[in-house]
C-alpha cells in the first residue's frame, strides 16, 4: 500500500469520526440517548481520559494524557512512513493507518474541543460560541456515542464476588476513533504473520 492510499484511508476515517462527533455535540445534550435496537444505542457522553471512557486521576492527568497522545502520534506517523518506505505488507500499513486515524481523532477532541464548543450540560453545544468554549487548549473532552448493551440483568448468586449484582455487557461507550484503534490492533494481531513476516535464512 502506498503512502497516498494510506493517507486517503486516514483522511476518510478521520472525517467520519469528526463529522459524527460534531453532529452529536451540536444535536445532543449530555446523557441524551436514542435507542436504535435493544442492543445498540446512541448515547452522548464525554470523557477526559483514555479510550472506552477510562480516566487518569489528578489535576494534571488530562494534560499529561493529551501530551502523551501528541508524542505517540508522532511515533505512529513515523512507523507508518517507515513501513511504506520499506514496502511493508498492506496489512501492516492498513493496521497502522487505522491506529493513526483513531489516535488523531481523539487528539483533536482533547486539544481543540474545549475552545471550539461550549458546554453540553442541559443545552445543545454551539460551535465557536461568542462567550468562549467550556475549557482551554489541551483540555477538551472526548465525545463518545456508540453504546452496545448486549445484555443486562442480575448475575446468578453462585458467581463469586459479583453474584446477585446488576451487570451490563458491553458497558463502555466509545466512538469511531476508538473503533479504528481497536480494529487496527486486532488486524495486526490476527494477521501478525503477514504483517510482520520473518525473513527466511538463506543458505550460502
C-alpha atoms as a PDB file:
ATOM      1  CA  UNK A   1       0.000   0.000   0.000  1.00  0.00           C
ATOM      2  CA  UNK A   2       1.348   3.400  -0.969  1.00  0.00           C
ATOM      3  CA  UNK A   3       1.594   6.408   1.347  1.00  0.00           C
ATOM      4  CA  UNK A   4      -1.063   8.138  -0.775  1.00  0.00           C
ATOM      5  CA  UNK A   5      -3.567   5.315  -0.249  1.00  0.00           C
ATOM      6  CA  UNK A   6      -2.771   5.209   3.451  1.00  0.00           C
ATOM      7  CA  UNK A   7      -3.323   8.958   3.625  1.00  0.00           C
ATOM      8  CA  UNK A   8      -6.698   8.660   1.898  1.00  0.00           C
ATOM      9  CA  UNK A   9      -7.751   5.925   4.334  1.00  0.00           C
ATOM     10  CA  UNK A  10      -6.696   8.054   7.304  1.00  0.00           C
ATOM     11  CA  UNK A  11      -8.484  11.123   5.931  1.00  0.00           C
ATOM     12  CA  UNK A  12     -11.756   9.271   5.299  1.00  0.00           C
ATOM     13  CA  UNK A  13     -11.789   7.641   8.748  1.00  0.00           C
ATOM     14  CA  UNK A  14     -10.846  10.898  10.450  1.00  0.00           C
ATOM     15  CA  UNK A  15     -13.591  12.730   8.551  1.00  0.00           C
ATOM     16  CA  UNK A  16     -16.220  10.153   9.586  1.00  0.00           C
ATOM     17  CA  UNK A  17     -15.061  10.364  13.193  1.00  0.00           C
ATOM     18  CA  UNK A  18     -15.145  14.161  13.371  1.00  0.00           C
ATOM     19  CA  UNK A  19     -18.439  14.541  11.478  1.00  0.00           C
ATOM     20  CA  UNK A  20     -20.111  12.066  13.846  1.00  0.00           C
ATOM     21  CA  UNK A  21     -18.745  13.898  16.890  1.00  0.00           C
ATOM     22  CA  UNK A  22     -19.709  17.315  15.533  1.00  0.00           C
ATOM     23  CA  UNK A  23     -23.249  16.082  14.882  1.00  0.00           C
ATOM     24  CA  UNK A  24     -23.602  14.538  18.332  1.00  0.00           C
ATOM     25  CA  UNK A  25     -22.085  17.548  20.063  1.00  0.00           C
ATOM     26  CA  UNK A  26     -24.440  20.027  18.357  1.00  0.00           C
ATOM     27  CA  UNK A  27     -27.613  17.902  18.392  1.00  0.00           C
ATOM     28  CA  UNK A  28     -27.494  16.053  21.731  1.00  0.00           C
ATOM     29  CA  UNK A  29     -27.252  17.079  25.352  1.00  0.00           C
ATOM     30  CA  UNK A  30     -25.083  15.102  27.780  1.00  0.00           C
ATOM     31  CA  UNK A  31     -26.873  11.871  28.654  1.00  0.00           C
ATOM     32  CA  UNK A  32     -29.357  12.107  25.783  1.00  0.00           C
ATOM     33  CA  UNK A  33     -29.987   8.753  24.154  1.00  0.00           C
ATOM     34  CA  UNK A  34     -31.599   7.269  21.051  1.00  0.00           C
ATOM     35  CA  UNK A  35     -32.483   3.588  21.128  1.00  0.00           C
ATOM     36  CA  UNK A  36     -31.709   2.085  17.703  1.00  0.00           C
ATOM     37  CA  UNK A  37     -32.025  -1.545  18.826  1.00  0.00           C
ATOM     38  CA  UNK A  38     -32.227  -3.195  22.241  1.00  0.00           C
ATOM     39  CA  UNK A  39     -28.511  -3.947  21.921  1.00  0.00           C
ATOM     40  CA  UNK A  40     -27.397  -0.694  20.241  1.00  0.00           C
ATOM     41  CA  UNK A  41     -27.974   2.895  21.300  1.00  0.00           C
ATOM     42  CA  UNK A  42     -26.642   6.345  20.512  1.00  0.00           C
ATOM     43  CA  UNK A  43     -25.739   7.779  23.909  1.00  0.00           C
ATOM     44  CA  UNK A  44     -23.892  11.081  24.233  1.00  0.00           C
ATOM     45  CA  UNK A  45     -21.229  11.101  26.926  1.00  0.00           C
ATOM     46  CA  UNK A  46     -17.911  12.893  27.291  1.00  0.00           C
ATOM     47  CA  UNK A  47     -14.766  11.727  28.995  1.00  0.00           C
ATOM     48  CA  UNK A  48     -11.479  13.353  29.873  1.00  0.00           C
ATOM     49  CA  UNK A  49      -9.426  10.210  29.753  1.00  0.00           C
ATOM     50  CA  UNK A  50      -8.394   7.299  27.636  1.00  0.00           C
ATOM     51  CA  UNK A  51     -10.285   5.158  25.172  1.00  0.00           C
ATOM     52  CA  UNK A  52     -13.505   3.427  26.273  1.00  0.00           C
ATOM     53  CA  UNK A  53     -14.134   6.074  28.914  1.00  0.00           C
ATOM     54  CA  UNK A  54     -11.193   5.233  31.180  1.00  0.00           C
ATOM     55  CA  UNK A  55      -9.701   8.191  33.031  1.00  0.00           C
ATOM     56  CA  UNK A  56      -6.457   9.387  34.595  1.00  0.00           C
ATOM     57  CA  UNK A  57      -6.944  10.920  38.068  1.00  0.00           C
ATOM     58  CA  UNK A  58      -5.237  14.060  39.272  1.00  0.00           C
ATOM     59  CA  UNK A  59      -5.202  17.745  38.389  1.00  0.00           C
ATOM     60  CA  UNK A  60      -2.714  17.306  35.560  1.00  0.00           C
ATOM     61  CA  UNK A  61      -3.878  13.872  34.398  1.00  0.00           C
ATOM     62  CA  UNK A  62      -5.772  15.260  31.417  1.00  0.00           C
ATOM     63  CA  UNK A  63      -2.876  17.426  30.243  1.00  0.00           C
ATOM     64  CA  UNK A  64      -0.413  14.563  30.671  1.00  0.00           C
ATOM     65  CA  UNK A  65      -2.621  12.263  28.604  1.00  0.00           C
ATOM     66  CA  UNK A  66      -3.005  14.817  25.816  1.00  0.00           C
ATOM     67  CA  UNK A  67       0.747  15.434  25.660  1.00  0.00           C
ATOM     68  CA  UNK A  68       1.370  11.689  25.662  1.00  0.00           C
ATOM     69  CA  UNK A  69      -1.039  11.322  22.738  1.00  0.00           C
ATOM     70  CA  UNK A  70       0.805  14.030  20.799  1.00  0.00           C
ATOM     71  CA  UNK A  71       4.118  12.270  21.314  1.00  0.00           C
ATOM     72  CA  UNK A  72       2.559   8.911  20.443  1.00  0.00           C
ATOM     73  CA  UNK A  73       1.021  10.184  17.212  1.00  0.00           C
ATOM     74  CA  UNK A  74       4.455  11.352  16.056  1.00  0.00           C
ATOM     75  CA  UNK A  75       5.838   7.882  16.723  1.00  0.00           C
ATOM     76  CA  UNK A  76       2.920   6.184  14.934  1.00  0.00           C
ATOM     77  CA  UNK A  77       3.321   8.560  11.997  1.00  0.00           C
ATOM     78  CA  UNK A  78       6.998   7.699  11.712  1.00  0.00           C
ATOM     79  CA  UNK A  79       6.168   3.994  11.940  1.00  0.00           C
ATOM     80  CA  UNK A  80       3.728   4.408   9.063  1.00  0.00           C
ATOM     81  CA  UNK A  81       6.168   6.386   6.927  1.00  0.00           C
ATOM     82  CA  UNK A  82       8.988   3.931   7.606  1.00  0.00           C
ATOM     83  CA  UNK A  83       6.769   0.929   6.819  1.00  0.00           C
ATOM     84  CA  UNK A  84       5.725   2.410   3.485  1.00  0.00           C
ATOM     85  CA  UNK A  85       9.345   3.292   2.689  1.00  0.00           C
ATOM     86  CA  UNK A  86      10.404  -0.292   3.416  1.00  0.00           C
ATOM     87  CA  UNK A  87       7.494  -1.589   1.299  1.00  0.00           C
ATOM     88  CA  UNK A  88       5.872  -3.448   4.174  1.00  0.00           C
ATOM     89  CA  UNK A  89       2.768  -5.563   3.668  1.00  0.00           C
ATOM     90  CA  UNK A  90      -0.606  -3.936   3.027  1.00  0.00           C
ATOM     91  CA  UNK A  91      -1.939  -5.487   6.246  1.00  0.00           C
ATOM     92  CA  UNK A  92       0.698  -3.736   8.345  1.00  0.00           C
ATOM     93  CA  UNK A  93       0.223  -0.375   6.656  1.00  0.00           C
ATOM     94  CA  UNK A  94      -3.575  -0.630   6.896  1.00  0.00           C
ATOM     95  CA  UNK A  95      -3.349  -1.536  10.586  1.00  0.00           C
ATOM     96  CA  UNK A  96      -1.026   1.373  11.362  1.00  0.00           C
ATOM     97  CA  UNK A  97      -3.270   3.722   9.351  1.00  0.00           C
ATOM     98  CA  UNK A  98      -6.298   2.677  11.409  1.00  0.00           C
ATOM     99  CA  UNK A  99      -4.433   3.222  14.669  1.00  0.00           C
ATOM    100  CA  UNK A 100      -3.085   6.585  13.457  1.00  0.00           C
ATOM    101  CA  UNK A 101      -6.512   7.862  12.370  1.00  0.00           C
ATOM    102  CA  UNK A 102      -8.091   6.788  15.662  1.00  0.00           C
ATOM    103  CA  UNK A 103      -5.383   8.393  17.759  1.00  0.00           C
ATOM    104  CA  UNK A 104      -5.579  11.589  15.724  1.00  0.00           C
ATOM    105  CA  UNK A 105      -9.371  11.700  16.051  1.00  0.00           C
ATOM    106  CA  UNK A 106      -9.233  11.680  19.845  1.00  0.00           C
ATOM    107  CA  UNK A 107      -6.318  14.117  19.882  1.00  0.00           C
ATOM    108  CA  UNK A 108      -8.435  16.670  18.003  1.00  0.00           C
ATOM    109  CA  UNK A 109     -11.093  16.380  20.719  1.00  0.00           C
ATOM    110  CA  UNK A 110      -8.564  16.690  23.538  1.00  0.00           C
ATOM    111  CA  UNK A 111      -6.708  19.645  22.052  1.00  0.00           C
ATOM    112  CA  UNK A 112      -9.444  21.753  20.441  1.00  0.00           C
ATOM    113  CA  UNK A 113     -12.954  20.847  21.620  1.00  0.00           C
ATOM    114  CA  UNK A 114     -12.601  22.808  24.857  1.00  0.00           C
ATOM    115  CA  UNK A 115     -12.198  26.056  22.929  1.00  0.00           C
ATOM    116  CA  UNK A 116     -14.474  25.488  19.913  1.00  0.00           C
ATOM    117  CA  UNK A 117     -17.560  24.188  21.770  1.00  0.00           C
ATOM    118  CA  UNK A 118     -19.431  25.367  24.836  1.00  0.00           C
ATOM    119  CA  UNK A 119     -20.867  23.076  27.495  1.00  0.00           C
ATOM    120  CA  UNK A 120     -23.386  20.338  26.669  1.00  0.00           C
ATOM    121  CA  UNK A 121     -24.991  20.002  30.112  1.00  0.00           C
ATOM    122  CA  UNK A 122     -28.678  20.868  29.816  1.00  0.00           C
ATOM    123  CA  UNK A 123     -28.191  22.522  26.426  1.00  0.00           C
ATOM    124  CA  UNK A 124     -27.060  21.888  22.881  1.00  0.00           C
ATOM    125  CA  UNK A 125     -23.467  22.935  22.364  1.00  0.00           C
ATOM    126  CA  UNK A 126     -22.646  25.719  19.920  1.00  0.00           C
ATOM    127  CA  UNK A 127     -19.706  25.653  17.532  1.00  0.00           C
ATOM    128  CA  UNK A 128     -17.363  28.610  18.136  1.00  0.00           C
ATOM    129  CA  UNK A 129     -19.578  30.278  20.792  1.00  0.00           C
ATOM    130  CA  UNK A 130     -19.208  34.006  21.386  1.00  0.00           C
ATOM    131  CA  UNK A 131     -18.579  33.585  25.090  1.00  0.00           C
ATOM    132  CA  UNK A 132     -15.800  31.086  24.519  1.00  0.00           C
ATOM    133  CA  UNK A 133     -15.594  27.341  24.972  1.00  0.00           C
ATOM    134  CA  UNK A 134     -16.083  25.195  28.055  1.00  0.00           C
ATOM    135  CA  UNK A 135     -12.350  24.704  28.569  1.00  0.00           C
ATOM    136  CA  UNK A 136      -8.895  25.639  27.405  1.00  0.00           C
ATOM    137  CA  UNK A 137      -6.453  24.383  24.805  1.00  0.00           C
ATOM    138  CA  UNK A 138      -5.333  20.789  25.533  1.00  0.00           C
ATOM    139  CA  UNK A 139      -8.219  20.307  27.979  1.00  0.00           C
ATOM    140  CA  UNK A 140     -11.043  19.279  25.672  1.00  0.00           C
ATOM    141  CA  UNK A 141     -13.276  16.291  26.397  1.00  0.00           C
ATOM    142  CA  UNK A 142     -13.534  13.319  24.056  1.00  0.00           C
ATOM    143  CA  UNK A 143     -17.004  12.806  22.587  1.00  0.00           C
ATOM    144  CA  UNK A 144     -18.375   9.252  22.785  1.00  0.00           C
ATOM    145  CA  UNK A 145     -21.686   7.990  21.453  1.00  0.00           C
ATOM    146  CA  UNK A 146     -21.647   4.298  20.485  1.00  0.00           C
ATOM    147  CA  UNK A 147     -23.214   2.111  23.157  1.00  0.00           C
ATOM    148  CA  UNK A 148     -23.781  -1.645  22.842  1.00  0.00           C
ATOM    149  CA  UNK A 149     -25.522  -3.004  25.979  1.00  0.00           C
ATOM    150  CA  UNK A 150     -25.671  -6.530  24.577  1.00  0.00           C
ATOM    151  CA  UNK A 151     -27.064  -7.959  27.811  1.00  0.00           C
ATOM    152  CA  UNK A 152     -28.278  -6.512  31.085  1.00  0.00           C
ATOM    153  CA  UNK A 153     -29.565  -8.304  34.152  1.00  0.00           C
ATOM    154  CA  UNK A 154     -28.775  -9.703  37.574  1.00  0.00           C
ATOM    155  CA  UNK A 155     -25.956 -12.204  37.755  1.00  0.00           C
ATOM    156  CA  UNK A 156     -26.632 -15.606  39.378  1.00  0.00           C
ATOM    157  CA  UNK A 157     -25.934 -15.743  43.084  1.00  0.00           C
ATOM    158  CA  UNK A 158     -23.390 -18.558  42.667  1.00  0.00           C
ATOM    159  CA  UNK A 159     -20.925 -16.340  40.760  1.00  0.00           C
ATOM    160  CA  UNK A 160     -18.070 -15.338  43.139  1.00  0.00           C
ATOM    161  CA  UNK A 161     -17.779 -11.646  44.127  1.00  0.00           C
ATOM    162  CA  UNK A 162     -20.379 -10.347  41.616  1.00  0.00           C
ATOM    163  CA  UNK A 163     -23.219 -12.777  42.230  1.00  0.00           C
ATOM    164  CA  UNK A 164     -26.611 -11.085  42.563  1.00  0.00           C
ATOM    165  CA  UNK A 165     -25.354  -7.751  41.210  1.00  0.00           C
ATOM    166  CA  UNK A 166     -26.815  -5.947  38.204  1.00  0.00           C
ATOM    167  CA  UNK A 167     -24.466  -6.258  35.250  1.00  0.00           C
ATOM    168  CA  UNK A 168     -24.362  -4.872  31.704  1.00  0.00           C
ATOM    169  CA  UNK A 169     -22.347  -6.423  28.903  1.00  0.00           C
ATOM    170  CA  UNK A 170     -20.935  -4.472  26.997  1.00  0.00           C
ATOM    171  CA  UNK A 171     -20.967  -1.294  29.116  1.00  0.00           C
ATOM    172  CA  UNK A 172     -18.334   1.171  27.736  1.00  0.00           C
ATOM    173  CA  UNK A 173     -19.446   3.995  25.446  1.00  0.00           C
ATOM    174  CA  UNK A 174     -16.969   4.733  22.661  1.00  0.00           C
ATOM    175  CA  UNK A 175     -16.562   6.499  19.309  1.00  0.00           C
ATOM    176  CA  UNK A 176     -15.358   5.893  15.752  1.00  0.00           C
ATOM    177  CA  UNK A 177     -11.779   6.777  16.682  1.00  0.00           C
ATOM    178  CA  UNK A 178     -11.734   4.163  19.452  1.00  0.00           C
ATOM    179  CA  UNK A 179     -13.118   1.634  16.970  1.00  0.00           C
ATOM    180  CA  UNK A 180     -10.340   2.407  14.478  1.00  0.00           C
ATOM    181  CA  UNK A 181      -7.665   1.864  17.122  1.00  0.00           C
ATOM    182  CA  UNK A 182      -9.263  -1.389  18.243  1.00  0.00           C
ATOM    183  CA  UNK A 183      -9.715  -2.732  14.703  1.00  0.00           C
ATOM    184  CA  UNK A 184      -6.147  -1.733  13.811  1.00  0.00           C
ATOM    185  CA  UNK A 185      -4.692  -3.653  16.763  1.00  0.00           C
ATOM    186  CA  UNK A 186      -6.918  -6.676  16.115  1.00  0.00           C
ATOM    187  CA  UNK A 187      -5.920  -6.638  12.449  1.00  0.00           C
ATOM    188  CA  UNK A 188      -2.226  -6.719  13.344  1.00  0.00           C
ATOM    189  CA  UNK A 189      -2.842  -9.365  15.986  1.00  0.00           C
ATOM    190  CA  UNK A 190      -4.824 -11.745  13.770  1.00  0.00           C
ATOM    191  CA  UNK A 191      -2.627 -11.301  10.707  1.00  0.00           C
ATOM    192  CA  UNK A 192       0.636 -10.865  12.595  1.00  0.00           C
ATOM    193  CA  UNK A 193       2.478 -13.371  10.385  1.00  0.00           C
ATOM    194  CA  UNK A 194       1.536 -11.396   7.275  1.00  0.00           C
ATOM    195  CA  UNK A 195       2.082  -8.039   8.946  1.00  0.00           C
ATOM    196  CA  UNK A 196       5.474  -8.994  10.358  1.00  0.00           C
ATOM    197  CA  UNK A 197       6.907 -11.646   8.037  1.00  0.00           C
ATOM    198  CA  UNK A 198      10.116 -13.266   9.202  1.00  0.00           C
ATOM    199  CA  UNK A 199      12.910 -13.342   6.684  1.00  0.00           C
ATOM    200  CA  UNK A 200      13.967 -16.849   5.915  1.00  0.00           C
ATOM    201  CA  UNK A 201      17.633 -17.608   6.392  1.00  0.00           C
ATOM    202  CA  UNK A 202      19.271 -18.059   3.051  1.00  0.00           C
ATOM    203  CA  UNK A 203      21.886 -20.745   2.667  1.00  0.00           C
ATOM    204  CA  UNK A 204      25.213 -19.533   1.485  1.00  0.00           C
END
